[in-house]
Each structure stands twice: as C-alpha cells, then as structure tokens.
Amino acid sequence: MSDENVELHRHAVDAYNARDIEALIAYFDPGVELHPVLAAAGGAVYHGYDGMRSWYRDQVDAFGDELHTEPEAYFDLGEQTLLFYVLHGRGRQSGANVAMSFAQVCRWRDGVVVYSKLYANREDALKDLGVSEDALEPIPP
C-alpha cells in the first residue's frame, strides 16, 4: 500500500503544479489538517477542503502565478510519505525570484492524506519522523 502512497503523492504534486486546486484536494481527506511552514512561527493551521483552498490562495498571493514545486526525492515510510522539494515562485511584492528547499510529510489513510506538515528545514522533518536521511532510500521524482 505504501508504494501506492508515493504514487498518489506524485499525482498530488502534479495537480499542485497544474494549478488545479480541486484536483489537488481530491488527494486529501475532507478533515485534513495541514501545517504550513509558517505555522511553526505562529501562523495558521488549515483544516479541511476550505482550509486547503485558503492555504493555496495564500501561497499564490505571496509567490505569484509562477508558483510550482520541483520534487527532488520521495521517501516511502509506510503510512507516511516524505518529499524533499524546491518551491519556485516570484515574490508578489518584491518581484524577486524565489527558490526555497522544503520537506513535506503526509500521513495517508485509505488512499488520502489525513495530515500534512511542511518544513523549511529538512532536518526538522527527519527529526520529527525519528529517522536519518542515510537510513532512507530515495525514490526519484
């Protein structure tokens, strides 16, 4: 089942990059809990499909129409998947090109994401998961 979760994670990233929020949320449970990077600094945690739509709008507002992710590696952790990726965009206010490395952990149940957390520091994601990168086998994008 976990190999299937990696494939589903890939399709969710494809929907994100296609800017199709409705296709993206189809990979998530209606009660999903999404912790964006800024949640660690006191930002919002998003809940459910309406929360995902708000999260996506917030990202587009900050990083513009060129917003997309470049997956670097997926990792199969059973009921969870880990993705290392680079977020690309252009600052809406500054006009500066943005390329930032992130990690995303998704917890899957019955073929949908029930919990997702984004990390600005990949080491923090690994620490939360209780694994080292050396112990993981990367799956190419």
C-alpha atoms as a PDB file:
ATOM      1  CA  MET A   1       0.000   0.000   0.000  1.00  0.00           C
ATOM      2  CA  SER A   2       2.827   2.431   0.772  1.00  0.00           C
ATOM      3  CA  ASP A   3       4.225   2.264  -2.798  1.00  0.00           C
ATOM      4  CA  GLU A   4       0.777   3.394  -3.814  1.00  0.00           C
ATOM      5  CA  ASN A   5       1.039   6.327  -1.380  1.00  0.00           C
ATOM      6  CA  VAL A   6       4.230   7.549  -3.068  1.00  0.00           C
ATOM      7  CA  GLU A   7       2.492   7.391  -6.430  1.00  0.00           C
ATOM      8  CA  LEU A   8      -0.508   9.273  -5.027  1.00  0.00           C
ATOM      9  CA  HIS A   9       1.853  11.888  -3.560  1.00  0.00           C
ATOM     10  CA  ARG A  10       3.368  12.337  -7.047  1.00  0.00           C
ATOM     11  CA  HIS A  11      -0.088  12.884  -8.535  1.00  0.00           C
ATOM     12  CA  ALA A  12      -0.939  15.431  -5.827  1.00  0.00           C
ATOM     13  CA  VAL A  13       2.244  17.366  -6.681  1.00  0.00           C
ATOM     14  CA  ASP A  14       1.285  17.233 -10.372  1.00  0.00           C
ATOM     15  CA  ALA A  15      -2.135  18.713  -9.545  1.00  0.00           C
ATOM     16  CA  TYR A  16      -0.464  21.454  -7.469  1.00  0.00           C
ATOM     17  CA  ASN A  17       1.879  22.289 -10.341  1.00  0.00           C
ATOM     18  CA  ALA A  18      -1.037  22.288 -12.784  1.00  0.00           C
ATOM     19  CA  ARG A  19      -2.625  24.920 -10.507  1.00  0.00           C
ATOM     20  CA  ASP A  20      -5.704  22.702 -10.155  1.00  0.00           C
ATOM     21  CA  ILE A  21      -6.683  23.074  -6.503  1.00  0.00           C
ATOM     22  CA  GLU A  22      -9.802  20.920  -6.913  1.00  0.00           C
ATOM     23  CA  ALA A  23      -7.744  18.047  -8.340  1.00  0.00           C
ATOM     24  CA  LEU A  24      -5.224  18.554  -5.530  1.00  0.00           C
ATOM     25  CA  ILE A  25      -7.757  18.380  -2.713  1.00  0.00           C
ATOM     26  CA  ALA A  26      -9.122  15.126  -4.155  1.00  0.00           C
ATOM     27  CA  TYR A  27      -5.960  13.516  -2.703  1.00  0.00           C
ATOM     28  CA  PHE A  28      -6.857  14.763   0.784  1.00  0.00           C
ATOM     29  CA  ASP A  29      -9.372  13.688   3.386  1.00  0.00           C
ATOM     30  CA  PRO A  30     -12.246  16.179   3.982  1.00  0.00           C
ATOM     31  CA  GLY A  31     -10.964  16.578   7.557  1.00  0.00           C
ATOM     32  CA  VAL A  32      -7.295  17.021   6.616  1.00  0.00           C
ATOM     33  CA  GLU A  33      -5.041  19.007   8.921  1.00  0.00           C
ATOM     34  CA  LEU A  34      -2.385  20.999   7.033  1.00  0.00           C
ATOM     35  CA  HIS A  35       0.526  22.590   8.888  1.00  0.00           C
ATOM     36  CA  PRO A  36       2.297  25.054   6.594  1.00  0.00           C
ATOM     37  CA  VAL A  37       5.872  26.169   7.179  1.00  0.00           C
ATOM     38  CA  LEU A  38       4.777  29.390   8.858  1.00  0.00           C
ATOM     39  CA  ALA A  39       2.579  27.545  11.359  1.00  0.00           C
ATOM     40  CA  ALA A  40       5.733  26.905  13.398  1.00  0.00           C
ATOM     41  CA  ALA A  41       6.101  30.675  13.732  1.00  0.00           C
ATOM     42  CA  GLY A  42       2.564  31.182  14.993  1.00  0.00           C
ATOM     43  CA  GLY A  43       0.774  31.056  11.640  1.00  0.00           C
ATOM     44  CA  ALA A  44      -2.480  29.307  10.873  1.00  0.00           C
ATOM     45  CA  VAL A  45      -3.093  25.598  10.642  1.00  0.00           C
ATOM     46  CA  TYR A  46      -5.512  24.847   7.820  1.00  0.00           C
ATOM     47  CA  HIS A  47      -8.362  22.357   8.174  1.00  0.00           C
ATOM     48  CA  GLY A  48     -10.452  20.597   5.549  1.00  0.00           C
ATOM     49  CA  TYR A  49     -11.018  21.455   1.923  1.00  0.00           C
ATOM     50  CA  ASP A  50     -11.856  25.107   2.594  1.00  0.00           C
ATOM     51  CA  GLY A  51      -8.627  25.365   4.566  1.00  0.00           C
ATOM     52  CA  MET A  52      -6.666  23.881   1.686  1.00  0.00           C
ATOM     53  CA  ARG A  53      -8.195  26.382  -0.706  1.00  0.00           C
ATOM     54  CA  SER A  54      -7.231  29.217   1.664  1.00  0.00           C
ATOM     55  CA  TRP A  55      -3.706  27.842   2.016  1.00  0.00           C
ATOM     56  CA  TYR A  56      -3.316  27.662  -1.758  1.00  0.00           C
ATOM     57  CA  ARG A  57      -4.637  31.227  -2.225  1.00  0.00           C
ATOM     58  CA  ASP A  58      -2.212  32.436   0.455  1.00  0.00           C
ATOM     59  CA  GLN A  59       0.682  30.833  -1.425  1.00  0.00           C
ATOM     60  CA  VAL A  60      -0.338  32.316  -4.767  1.00  0.00           C
ATOM     61  CA  ASP A  61      -0.787  35.720  -3.096  1.00  0.00           C
ATOM     62  CA  ALA A  62       2.753  35.522  -1.712  1.00  0.00           C
ATOM     63  CA  PHE A  63       4.599  33.878  -4.607  1.00  0.00           C
ATOM     64  CA  GLY A  64       2.616  34.721  -7.718  1.00  0.00           C
ATOM     65  CA  ASP A  65       1.457  32.881 -10.772  1.00  0.00           C
ATOM     66  CA  GLU A  66       4.813  31.170 -11.350  1.00  0.00           C
ATOM     67  CA  LEU A  67       4.398  29.120  -8.167  1.00  0.00           C
ATOM     68  CA  HIS A  68       5.401  25.470  -8.589  1.00  0.00           C
ATOM     69  CA  THR A  69       7.294  22.719  -6.838  1.00  0.00           C
ATOM     70  CA  GLU A  70      10.253  20.773  -8.126  1.00  0.00           C
ATOM     71  CA  PRO A  71      10.345  17.372  -6.424  1.00  0.00           C
ATOM     72  CA  GLU A  72      13.833  16.122  -5.612  1.00  0.00           C
ATOM     73  CA  ALA A  73      13.088  12.817  -3.849  1.00  0.00           C
ATOM     74  CA  TYR A  74      10.220  10.898  -2.309  1.00  0.00           C
ATOM     75  CA  PHE A  75      10.615   8.536   0.627  1.00  0.00           C
ATOM     76  CA  ASP A  76       8.292   5.646   1.498  1.00  0.00           C
ATOM     77  CA  LEU A  77       7.700   5.441   5.244  1.00  0.00           C
ATOM     78  CA  GLY A  78       4.742   3.077   5.257  1.00  0.00           C
ATOM     79  CA  GLU A  79       1.643   5.038   6.228  1.00  0.00           C
ATOM     80  CA  GLN A  80       3.622   8.239   5.653  1.00  0.00           C
ATOM     81  CA  THR A  81       5.473   9.714   2.704  1.00  0.00           C
ATOM     82  CA  LEU A  82       8.242  12.280   2.808  1.00  0.00           C
ATOM     83  CA  LEU A  83       9.007  14.626  -0.056  1.00  0.00           C
ATOM     84  CA  PHE A  84      12.065  16.823  -0.483  1.00  0.00           C
ATOM     85  CA  TYR A  85      11.331  19.603  -2.967  1.00  0.00           C
ATOM     86  CA  VAL A  86      12.182  23.115  -4.082  1.00  0.00           C
ATOM     87  CA  LEU A  87       9.414  25.706  -4.161  1.00  0.00           C
ATOM     88  CA  HIS A  88       9.731  28.168  -7.030  1.00  0.00           C
ATOM     89  CA  GLY A  89       7.882  31.426  -7.414  1.00  0.00           C
ATOM     90  CA  ARG A  90       8.236  35.164  -7.661  1.00  0.00           C
ATOM     91  CA  GLY A  91       7.611  37.398  -4.663  1.00  0.00           C
ATOM     92  CA  ARG A  92       4.395  39.259  -5.361  1.00  0.00           C
ATOM     93  CA  GLN A  93       5.603  42.374  -3.524  1.00  0.00           C
ATOM     94  CA  SER A  94       9.326  42.278  -4.305  1.00  0.00           C
ATOM     95  CA  GLY A  95       9.268  40.696  -7.750  1.00  0.00           C
ATOM     96  CA  ALA A  96      12.278  38.621  -6.673  1.00  0.00           C
ATOM     97  CA  ASN A  97      12.584  35.041  -7.900  1.00  0.00           C
ATOM     98  CA  VAL A  98      12.226  32.546  -5.084  1.00  0.00           C
ATOM     99  CA  ALA A  99      13.685  29.038  -4.868  1.00  0.00           C
ATOM    100  CA  MET A 100      13.470  27.505  -1.393  1.00  0.00           C
ATOM    101  CA  SER A 101      14.104  23.938  -0.248  1.00  0.00           C
ATOM    102  CA  PHE A 102      11.360  22.300   1.817  1.00  0.00           C
ATOM    103  CA  ALA A 103      10.162  18.956   3.078  1.00  0.00           C
ATOM    104  CA  GLN A 104       6.617  17.653   3.297  1.00  0.00           C
ATOM    105  CA  VAL A 105       5.366  14.784   5.413  1.00  0.00           C
ATOM    106  CA  CYS A 106       1.998  13.281   4.520  1.00  0.00           C
ATOM    107  CA  ARG A 107       0.143  10.723   6.611  1.00  0.00           C
ATOM    108  CA  TRP A 108      -2.106   8.537   4.464  1.00  0.00           C
ATOM    109  CA  ARG A 109      -5.207   6.546   5.298  1.00  0.00           C
ATOM    110  CA  ASP A 110      -7.333   4.708   2.740  1.00  0.00           C
ATOM    111  CA  GLY A 111      -5.641   6.458  -0.192  1.00  0.00           C
ATOM    112  CA  VAL A 112      -5.971  10.062   1.021  1.00  0.00           C
ATOM    113  CA  VAL A 113      -3.855  12.425   3.101  1.00  0.00           C
ATOM    114  CA  VAL A 114      -5.250  12.947   6.593  1.00  0.00           C
ATOM    115  CA  TYR A 115      -2.339  15.056   7.908  1.00  0.00           C
ATOM    116  CA  SER A 116       0.353  17.075   6.174  1.00  0.00           C
ATOM    117  CA  LYS A 117       3.175  19.139   7.585  1.00  0.00           C
ATOM    118  CA  LEU A 118       5.605  21.306   5.650  1.00  0.00           C
ATOM    119  CA  TYR A 119       9.115  22.042   6.871  1.00  0.00           C
ATOM    120  CA  ALA A 120      11.549  24.808   5.917  1.00  0.00           C
ATOM    121  CA  ASN A 121      14.348  22.680   7.358  1.00  0.00           C
ATOM    122  CA  ARG A 122      14.558  19.125   6.064  1.00  0.00           C
ATOM    123  CA  GLU A 123      16.451  18.024   9.165  1.00  0.00           C
ATOM    124  CA  ASP A 124      13.439  19.030  11.274  1.00  0.00           C
ATOM    125  CA  ALA A 125      11.224  16.734   9.222  1.00  0.00           C
ATOM    126  CA  LEU A 126      13.662  13.855   9.660  1.00  0.00           C
ATOM    127  CA  LYS A 127      13.887  14.538  13.394  1.00  0.00           C
ATOM    128  CA  ASP A 128      10.073  14.564  13.750  1.00  0.00           C
ATOM    129  CA  LEU A 129       9.946  11.255  11.876  1.00  0.00           C
ATOM    130  CA  GLY A 130      12.737   9.793  14.007  1.00  0.00           C
ATOM    131  CA  VAL A 131      14.883   8.788  11.025  1.00  0.00           C
ATOM    132  CA  SER A 132      18.152   9.861   9.430  1.00  0.00           C
ATOM    133  CA  GLU A 133      18.419  10.591   5.733  1.00  0.00           C
ATOM    134  CA  ASP A 134      21.156   7.943   5.487  1.00  0.00           C
ATOM    135  CA  ALA A 135      18.653   5.301   6.614  1.00  0.00           C
ATOM    136  CA  LEU A 136      16.180   6.209   3.871  1.00  0.00           C
ATOM    137  CA  GLU A 137      16.092   5.068   0.281  1.00  0.00           C
ATOM    138  CA  PRO A 138      15.216   7.991  -2.007  1.00  0.00           C
ATOM    139  CA  ILE A 139      12.691   7.371  -4.756  1.00  0.00           C
ATOM    140  CA  PRO A 140      13.386   9.578  -7.787  1.00  0.00           C
ATOM    141  CA  PRO A 141      10.706  12.041  -8.799  1.00  0.00           C
END
